């Protein structure tokens, strides 16, 4: 018996992402300006990129927190 499931918006977004990745459309731009298709990135590259993005997100969160505290001060 075949069970079918109706695709959700999230499923379709993932499918579009996978097609772009496989076609080499999605690229990572390195610090030196080199563009590498994400499908060609090695595991080490992916780990380093994720660590970089985590650090940037943390820096951005701290920046927003600092901006929010400016409004709390009386000038």
PDB file of N, CA and C in Angstrom:
ATOM      1  N   UNK A   1       0.849  -1.181   0.000  1.00  0.00           N
ATOM      2  CA  UNK A   1       0.000   0.000   0.000  1.00  0.00           C
ATOM      3  C   UNK A   1       0.892   1.240   0.000  1.00  0.00           C
ATOM      4  N   UNK A   2       0.646   2.122  -0.930  1.00  0.00           N
ATOM      5  CA  UNK A   2       1.442   3.337  -1.072  1.00  0.00           C
ATOM      6  C   UNK A   2       0.813   4.469  -0.257  1.00  0.00           C
ATOM      7  N   UNK A   3       1.640   5.075   0.599  1.00  0.00           N
ATOM      8  CA  UNK A   3       1.166   6.201   1.403  1.00  0.00           C
ATOM      9  C   UNK A   3       1.731   7.480   0.793  1.00  0.00           C
ATOM     10  N   UNK A   4       0.864   8.412   0.488  1.00  0.00           N
ATOM     11  CA  UNK A   4       1.296   9.688  -0.078  1.00  0.00           C
ATOM     12  C   UNK A   4       1.141  10.787   0.961  1.00  0.00           C
ATOM     13  N   UNK A   5       1.984  11.746   0.860  1.00  0.00           N
ATOM     14  CA  UNK A   5       1.957  12.875   1.783  1.00  0.00           C
ATOM     15  C   UNK A   5       1.965  14.153   0.937  1.00  0.00           C
ATOM     16  N   UNK A   6       1.176  15.109   1.308  1.00  0.00           N
ATOM     17  CA  UNK A   6       1.129  16.379   0.589  1.00  0.00           C
ATOM     18  C   UNK A   6       2.298  17.234   1.050  1.00  0.00           C
ATOM     19  N   UNK A   7       3.034  17.761   0.069  1.00  0.00           N
ATOM     20  CA  UNK A   7       4.213  18.576   0.371  1.00  0.00           C
ATOM     21  C   UNK A   7       3.807  19.877   1.044  1.00  0.00           C
ATOM     22  N   UNK A   8       4.611  20.278   2.017  1.00  0.00           N
ATOM     23  CA  UNK A   8       4.396  21.553   2.701  1.00  0.00           C
ATOM     24  C   UNK A   8       5.261  22.628   2.047  1.00  0.00           C
ATOM     25  N   UNK A   9       5.068  23.851   2.450  1.00  0.00           N
ATOM     26  CA  UNK A   9       5.893  24.954   1.953  1.00  0.00           C
ATOM     27  C   UNK A   9       7.363  24.698   2.300  1.00  0.00           C
ATOM     28  N   UNK A  10       7.607  24.205   3.503  1.00  0.00           N
ATOM     29  CA  UNK A  10       8.972  23.913   3.934  1.00  0.00           C
ATOM     30  C   UNK A  10       9.613  22.842   3.045  1.00  0.00           C
ATOM     31  N   UNK A  11       8.839  21.820   2.674  1.00  0.00           N
ATOM     32  CA  UNK A  11       9.331  20.775   1.782  1.00  0.00           C
ATOM     33  C   UNK A  11       9.744  21.364   0.435  1.00  0.00           C
ATOM     34  N   UNK A  12       8.920  22.244  -0.099  1.00  0.00           N
ATOM     35  CA  UNK A  12       9.195  22.837  -1.401  1.00  0.00           C
ATOM     36  C   UNK A  12      10.390  23.784  -1.345  1.00  0.00           C
ATOM     37  N   UNK A  13      10.531  24.517  -0.242  1.00  0.00           N
ATOM     38  CA  UNK A  13      11.705  25.384  -0.077  1.00  0.00           C
ATOM     39  C   UNK A  13      12.976  24.546  -0.028  1.00  0.00           C
ATOM     40  N   UNK A  14      12.924  23.416   0.673  1.00  0.00           N
ATOM     41  CA  UNK A  14      14.077  22.528   0.743  1.00  0.00           C
ATOM     42  C   UNK A  14      14.396  21.956  -0.632  1.00  0.00           C
ATOM     43  N   UNK A  15      13.379  21.550  -1.373  1.00  0.00           N
ATOM     44  CA  UNK A  15      13.585  21.005  -2.715  1.00  0.00           C
ATOM     45  C   UNK A  15      14.238  22.045  -3.622  1.00  0.00           C
ATOM     46  N   UNK A  16      13.778  23.288  -3.563  1.00  0.00           N
ATOM     47  CA  UNK A  16      14.371  24.357  -4.366  1.00  0.00           C
ATOM     48  C   UNK A  16      15.835  24.569  -3.976  1.00  0.00           C
ATOM     49  N   UNK A  17      16.111  24.568  -2.676  1.00  0.00           N
ATOM     50  CA  UNK A  17      17.480  24.704  -2.193  1.00  0.00           C
ATOM     51  C   UNK A  17      18.357  23.576  -2.730  1.00  0.00           C
ATOM     52  N   UNK A  18      17.864  22.332  -2.644  1.00  0.00           N
ATOM     53  CA  UNK A  18      18.644  21.185  -3.104  1.00  0.00           C
ATOM     54  C   UNK A  18      18.922  21.262  -4.600  1.00  0.00           C
ATOM     55  N   UNK A  19      17.941  21.715  -5.374  1.00  0.00           N
ATOM     56  CA  UNK A  19      18.146  21.847  -6.819  1.00  0.00           C
ATOM     57  C   UNK A  19      19.188  22.921  -7.131  1.00  0.00           C
ATOM     58  N   UNK A  20      19.125  24.037  -6.420  1.00  0.00           N
ATOM     59  CA  UNK A  20      20.114  25.107  -6.623  1.00  0.00           C
ATOM     60  C   UNK A  20      21.505  24.621  -6.241  1.00  0.00           C
ATOM     61  N   UNK A  21      21.584  23.902  -5.125  1.00  0.00           N
ATOM     62  CA  UNK A  21      22.873  23.387  -4.671  1.00  0.00           C
ATOM     63  C   UNK A  21      23.456  22.438  -5.700  1.00  0.00           C
ATOM     64  N   UNK A  22      22.643  21.523  -6.177  1.00  0.00           N
ATOM     65  CA  UNK A  22      23.126  20.528  -7.123  1.00  0.00           C
ATOM     66  C   UNK A  22      23.546  21.171  -8.449  1.00  0.00           C
ATOM     67  N   UNK A  23      22.879  22.244  -8.838  1.00  0.00           N
ATOM     68  CA  UNK A  23      23.209  22.927 -10.087  1.00  0.00           C
ATOM     69  C   UNK A  23      24.450  23.808  -9.948  1.00  0.00           C
ATOM     70  N   UNK A  24      24.941  23.978  -8.716  1.00  0.00           N
ATOM     71  CA  UNK A  24      26.123  24.809  -8.504  1.00  0.00           C
ATOM     72  C   UNK A  24      25.811  26.286  -8.449  1.00  0.00           C
ATOM     73  N   UNK A  25      24.536  26.621  -8.306  1.00  0.00           N
ATOM     74  CA  UNK A  25      24.115  28.021  -8.248  1.00  0.00           C
ATOM     75  C   UNK A  25      24.469  28.652  -6.909  1.00  0.00           C
ATOM     76  N   UNK A  26      24.352  27.872  -5.831  1.00  0.00           N
ATOM     77  CA  UNK A  26      24.654  28.387  -4.497  1.00  0.00           C
ATOM     78  C   UNK A  26      26.151  28.291  -4.254  1.00  0.00           C
ATOM     79  N   UNK A  27      26.758  29.412  -3.923  1.00  0.00           N
ATOM     80  CA  UNK A  27      28.204  29.441  -3.717  1.00  0.00           C
ATOM     81  C   UNK A  27      28.536  30.089  -2.375  1.00  0.00           C
ATOM     82  N   UNK A  28      29.703  29.737  -1.859  1.00  0.00           N
ATOM     83  CA  UNK A  28      30.274  30.397  -0.688  1.00  0.00           C
ATOM     84  C   UNK A  28      31.391  31.281  -1.195  1.00  0.00           C
ATOM     85  N   UNK A  29      31.374  32.544  -0.789  1.00  0.00           N
ATOM     86  CA  UNK A  29      32.429  33.469  -1.192  1.00  0.00           C
ATOM     87  C   UNK A  29      33.442  33.551  -0.059  1.00  0.00           C
ATOM     88  N   UNK A  30      34.665  33.135  -0.342  1.00  0.00           N
ATOM     89  CA  UNK A  30      35.706  33.114   0.676  1.00  0.00           C
ATOM     90  C   UNK A  30      36.255  34.516   0.930  1.00  0.00           C
ATOM     91  N   UNK A  31      37.044  34.622   1.980  1.00  0.00           N
ATOM     92  CA  UNK A  31      37.624  35.915   2.358  1.00  0.00           C
ATOM     93  C   UNK A  31      38.437  36.525   1.218  1.00  0.00           C
ATOM     94  N   UNK A  32      39.100  35.672   0.444  1.00  0.00           N
ATOM     95  CA  UNK A  32      39.923  36.175  -0.659  1.00  0.00           C
ATOM     96  C   UNK A  32      39.125  36.392  -1.949  1.00  0.00           C
ATOM     97  N   UNK A  33      37.780  36.245  -1.877  1.00  0.00           N
ATOM     98  CA  UNK A  33      36.917  36.530  -3.016  1.00  0.00           C
ATOM     99  C   UNK A  33      36.627  35.338  -3.909  1.00  0.00           C
ATOM    100  N   UNK A  34      37.210  34.200  -3.605  1.00  0.00           N
ATOM    101  CA  UNK A  34      36.978  33.007  -4.412  1.00  0.00           C
ATOM    102  C   UNK A  34      35.576  32.466  -4.145  1.00  0.00           C
ATOM    103  N   UNK A  35      34.844  32.139  -5.216  1.00  0.00           N
ATOM    104  CA  UNK A  35      33.504  31.585  -5.074  1.00  0.00           C
ATOM    105  C   UNK A  35      33.561  30.074  -5.278  1.00  0.00           C
ATOM    106  N   UNK A  36      33.079  29.343  -4.265  1.00  0.00           N
ATOM    107  CA  UNK A  36      33.102  27.886  -4.296  1.00  0.00           C
ATOM    108  C   UNK A  36      31.658  27.386  -4.213  1.00  0.00           C
ATOM    109  N   UNK A  37      31.211  26.589  -5.205  1.00  0.00           N
ATOM    110  CA  UNK A  37      29.863  26.014  -5.087  1.00  0.00           C
ATOM    111  C   UNK A  37      29.742  25.234  -3.780  1.00  0.00           C
ATOM    112  N   UNK A  38      28.656  25.439  -3.043  1.00  0.00           N
ATOM    113  CA  UNK A  38      28.544  24.772  -1.741  1.00  0.00           C
ATOM    114  C   UNK A  38      28.523  23.253  -1.878  1.00  0.00           C
ATOM    115  N   UNK A  39      28.113  22.761  -3.038  1.00  0.00           N
ATOM    116  CA  UNK A  39      28.131  21.305  -3.239  1.00  0.00           C
ATOM    117  C   UNK A  39      29.550  20.762  -3.276  1.00  0.00           C
ATOM    118  N   UNK A  40      30.542  21.631  -3.524  1.00  0.00           N
ATOM    119  CA  UNK A  40      31.935  21.209  -3.611  1.00  0.00           C
ATOM    120  C   UNK A  40      32.730  21.442  -2.327  1.00  0.00           C
ATOM    121  N   UNK A  41      32.101  22.038  -1.318  1.00  0.00           N
ATOM    122  CA  UNK A  41      32.802  22.303  -0.067  1.00  0.00           C
ATOM    123  C   UNK A  41      33.077  20.995   0.661  1.00  0.00           C
ATOM    124  N   UNK A  42      34.277  20.862   1.171  1.00  0.00           N
ATOM    125  CA  UNK A  42      34.660  19.687   1.958  1.00  0.00           C
ATOM    126  C   UNK A  42      34.106  19.830   3.376  1.00  0.00           C
ATOM    127  N   UNK A  43      34.078  18.751   4.111  1.00  0.00           N
ATOM    128  CA  UNK A  43      33.548  18.763   5.479  1.00  0.00           C
ATOM    129  C   UNK A  43      34.247  19.814   6.344  1.00  0.00           C
ATOM    130  N   UNK A  44      35.565  19.903   6.229  1.00  0.00           N
ATOM    131  CA  UNK A  44      36.316  20.888   7.017  1.00  0.00           C
ATOM    132  C   UNK A  44      35.887  22.314   6.712  1.00  0.00           C
ATOM    133  N   UNK A  45      35.633  22.592   5.424  1.00  0.00           N
ATOM    134  CA  UNK A  45      35.145  23.923   5.045  1.00  0.00           C
ATOM    135  C   UNK A  45      33.805  24.205   5.724  1.00  0.00           C
ATOM    136  N   UNK A  46      32.904  23.235   5.663  1.00  0.00           N
ATOM    137  CA  UNK A  46      31.575  23.432   6.247  1.00  0.00           C
ATOM    138  C   UNK A  46      31.653  23.680   7.751  1.00  0.00           C
ATOM    139  N   UNK A  47      32.494  22.926   8.432  1.00  0.00           N
ATOM    140  CA  UNK A  47      32.660  23.113   9.883  1.00  0.00           C
ATOM    141  C   UNK A  47      33.183  24.522  10.165  1.00  0.00           C
ATOM    142  N   UNK A  48      34.205  24.949   9.410  1.00  0.00           N
ATOM    143  CA  UNK A  48      34.772  26.288   9.612  1.00  0.00           C
ATOM    144  C   UNK A  48      33.746  27.381   9.316  1.00  0.00           C
ATOM    145  N   UNK A  49      32.959  27.205   8.272  1.00  0.00           N
ATOM    146  CA  UNK A  49      31.935  28.199   7.918  1.00  0.00           C
ATOM    147  C   UNK A  49      30.881  28.282   9.012  1.00  0.00           C
ATOM    148  N   UNK A  50      30.430  27.128   9.516  1.00  0.00           N
ATOM    149  CA  UNK A  50      29.434  27.137  10.593  1.00  0.00           C
ATOM    150  C   UNK A  50      29.980  27.817  11.838  1.00  0.00           C
ATOM    151  N   UNK A  51      31.236  27.553  12.175  1.00  0.00           N
ATOM    152  CA  UNK A  51      31.851  28.222  13.329  1.00  0.00           C
ATOM    153  C   UNK A  51      31.928  29.726  13.108  1.00  0.00           C
ATOM    154  N   UNK A  52      32.297  30.140  11.900  1.00  0.00           N
ATOM    155  CA  UNK A  52      32.350  31.567  11.564  1.00  0.00           C
ATOM    156  C   UNK A  52      30.977  32.219  11.719  1.00  0.00           C
ATOM    157  N   UNK A  53      29.958  31.575  11.172  1.00  0.00           N
ATOM    158  CA  UNK A  53      28.601  32.133  11.255  1.00  0.00           C
ATOM    159  C   UNK A  53      28.117  32.206  12.696  1.00  0.00           C
ATOM    160  N   UNK A  54      28.463  31.200  13.503  1.00  0.00           N
ATOM    161  CA  UNK A  54      28.105  31.234  14.932  1.00  0.00           C
ATOM    162  C   UNK A  54      28.760  32.425  15.630  1.00  0.00           C
ATOM    163  N   UNK A  55      30.053  32.655  15.332  1.00  0.00           N
ATOM    164  CA  UNK A  55      30.754  33.789  15.952  1.00  0.00           C
ATOM    165  C   UNK A  55      30.124  35.103  15.520  1.00  0.00           C
ATOM    166  N   UNK A  56      29.804  35.227  14.243  1.00  0.00           N
ATOM    167  CA  UNK A  56      29.201  36.468  13.747  1.00  0.00           C
ATOM    168  C   UNK A  56      27.833  36.702  14.386  1.00  0.00           C
ATOM    169  N   UNK A  57      27.057  35.633  14.532  1.00  0.00           N
ATOM    170  CA  UNK A  57      25.743  35.751  15.164  1.00  0.00           C
ATOM    171  C   UNK A  57      25.881  36.194  16.616  1.00  0.00           C
ATOM    172  N   UNK A  58      26.864  35.636  17.318  1.00  0.00           N
ATOM    173  CA  UNK A  58      27.108  36.016  18.715  1.00  0.00           C
ATOM    174  C   UNK A  58      27.532  37.484  18.800  1.00  0.00           C
ATOM    175  N   UNK A  59      28.436  37.906  17.903  1.00  0.00           N
ATOM    176  CA  UNK A  59      28.872  39.308  17.877  1.00  0.00           C
ATOM    177  C   UNK A  59      27.683  40.233  17.610  1.00  0.00           C
ATOM    178  N   UNK A  60      26.820  39.841  16.676  1.00  0.00           N
ATOM    179  CA  UNK A  60      25.664  40.651  16.322  1.00  0.00           C
ATOM    180  C   UNK A  60      24.694  40.748  17.502  1.00  0.00           C
ATOM    181  N   UNK A  61      24.490  39.630  18.203  1.00  0.00           N
ATOM    182  CA  UNK A  61      23.612  39.628  19.380  1.00  0.00           C
ATOM    183  C   UNK A  61      24.142  40.563  20.460  1.00  0.00           C
ATOM    184  N   UNK A  62      25.451  40.522  20.677  1.00  0.00           N
ATOM    185  CA  UNK A  62      26.055  41.408  21.677  1.00  0.00           C
ATOM    186  C   UNK A  62      25.914  42.870  21.245  1.00  0.00           C
ATOM    187  N   UNK A  63      26.059  43.145  19.962  1.00  0.00           N
ATOM    188  CA  UNK A  63      25.900  44.497  19.421  1.00  0.00           C
ATOM    189  C   UNK A  63      24.474  44.999  19.671  1.00  0.00           C
ATOM    190  N   UNK A  64      23.481  44.151  19.362  1.00  0.00           N
ATOM    191  CA  UNK A  64      22.086  44.547  19.576  1.00  0.00           C
ATOM    192  C   UNK A  64      21.793  44.762  21.057  1.00  0.00           C
ATOM    193  N   UNK A  65      22.368  43.922  21.896  1.00  0.00           N
ATOM    194  CA  UNK A  65      22.186  44.062  23.342  1.00  0.00           C
ATOM    195  C   UNK A  65      22.760  45.394  23.818  1.00  0.00           C
ATOM    196  N   UNK A  66      23.929  45.746  23.301  1.00  0.00           N
ATOM    197  CA  UNK A  66      24.559  47.015  23.674  1.00  0.00           C
ATOM    198  C   UNK A  66      23.714  48.193  23.190  1.00  0.00           C
ATOM    199  N   UNK A  67      23.177  48.092  21.989  1.00  0.00           N
ATOM    200  CA  UNK A  67      22.327  49.164  21.473  1.00  0.00           C
ATOM    201  C   UNK A  67      21.083  49.319  22.340  1.00  0.00           C
ATOM    202  N   UNK A  68      20.512  48.199  22.756  1.00  0.00           N
ATOM    203  CA  UNK A  68      19.317  48.251  23.595  1.00  0.00           C
ATOM    204  C   UNK A  68      19.599  48.919  24.924  1.00  0.00           C
ATOM    205  N   UNK A  69      20.784  48.732  25.469  1.00  0.00           N
ATOM    206  CA  UNK A  69      21.112  49.320  26.764  1.00  0.00           C
ATOM    207  C   UNK A  69      21.352  50.831  26.656  1.00  0.00           C
ATOM    208  N   UNK A  70      21.651  51.308  25.458  1.00  0.00           N
ATOM    209  CA  UNK A  70      21.833  52.760  25.271  1.00  0.00           C
ATOM    210  C   UNK A  70      20.530  53.492  25.562  1.00  0.00           C
ATOM    211  N   UNK A  71      19.429  52.897  25.160  1.00  0.00           N
ATOM    212  CA  UNK A  71      18.128  53.527  25.398  1.00  0.00           C
ATOM    213  C   UNK A  71      17.747  53.573  26.859  1.00  0.00           C
ATOM    214  N   UNK A  72      18.407  52.752  27.675  1.00  0.00           N
ATOM    215  CA  UNK A  72      18.101  52.695  29.101  1.00  0.00           C
ATOM    216  C   UNK A  72      18.802  53.788  29.901  1.00  0.00           C
ATOM    217  N   UNK A  73      19.788  54.434  29.325  1.00  0.00           N
ATOM    218  CA  UNK A  73      20.555  55.429  30.067  1.00  0.00           C
ATOM    219  C   UNK A  73      19.908  56.799  29.960  1.00  0.00           C
ATOM    220  N   UNK A  74      20.021  57.566  31.016  1.00  0.00           N
ATOM    221  CA  UNK A  74      19.525  58.947  30.999  1.00  0.00           C
ATOM    222  C   UNK A  74      20.655  59.873  30.562  1.00  0.00           C
ATOM    223  N   UNK A  75      20.372  60.683  29.567  1.00  0.00           N
ATOM    224  CA  UNK A  75      21.404  61.610  29.071  1.00  0.00           C
ATOM    225  C   UNK A  75      21.029  63.003  29.475  1.00  0.00           C
TER     226      UNK A  75
END
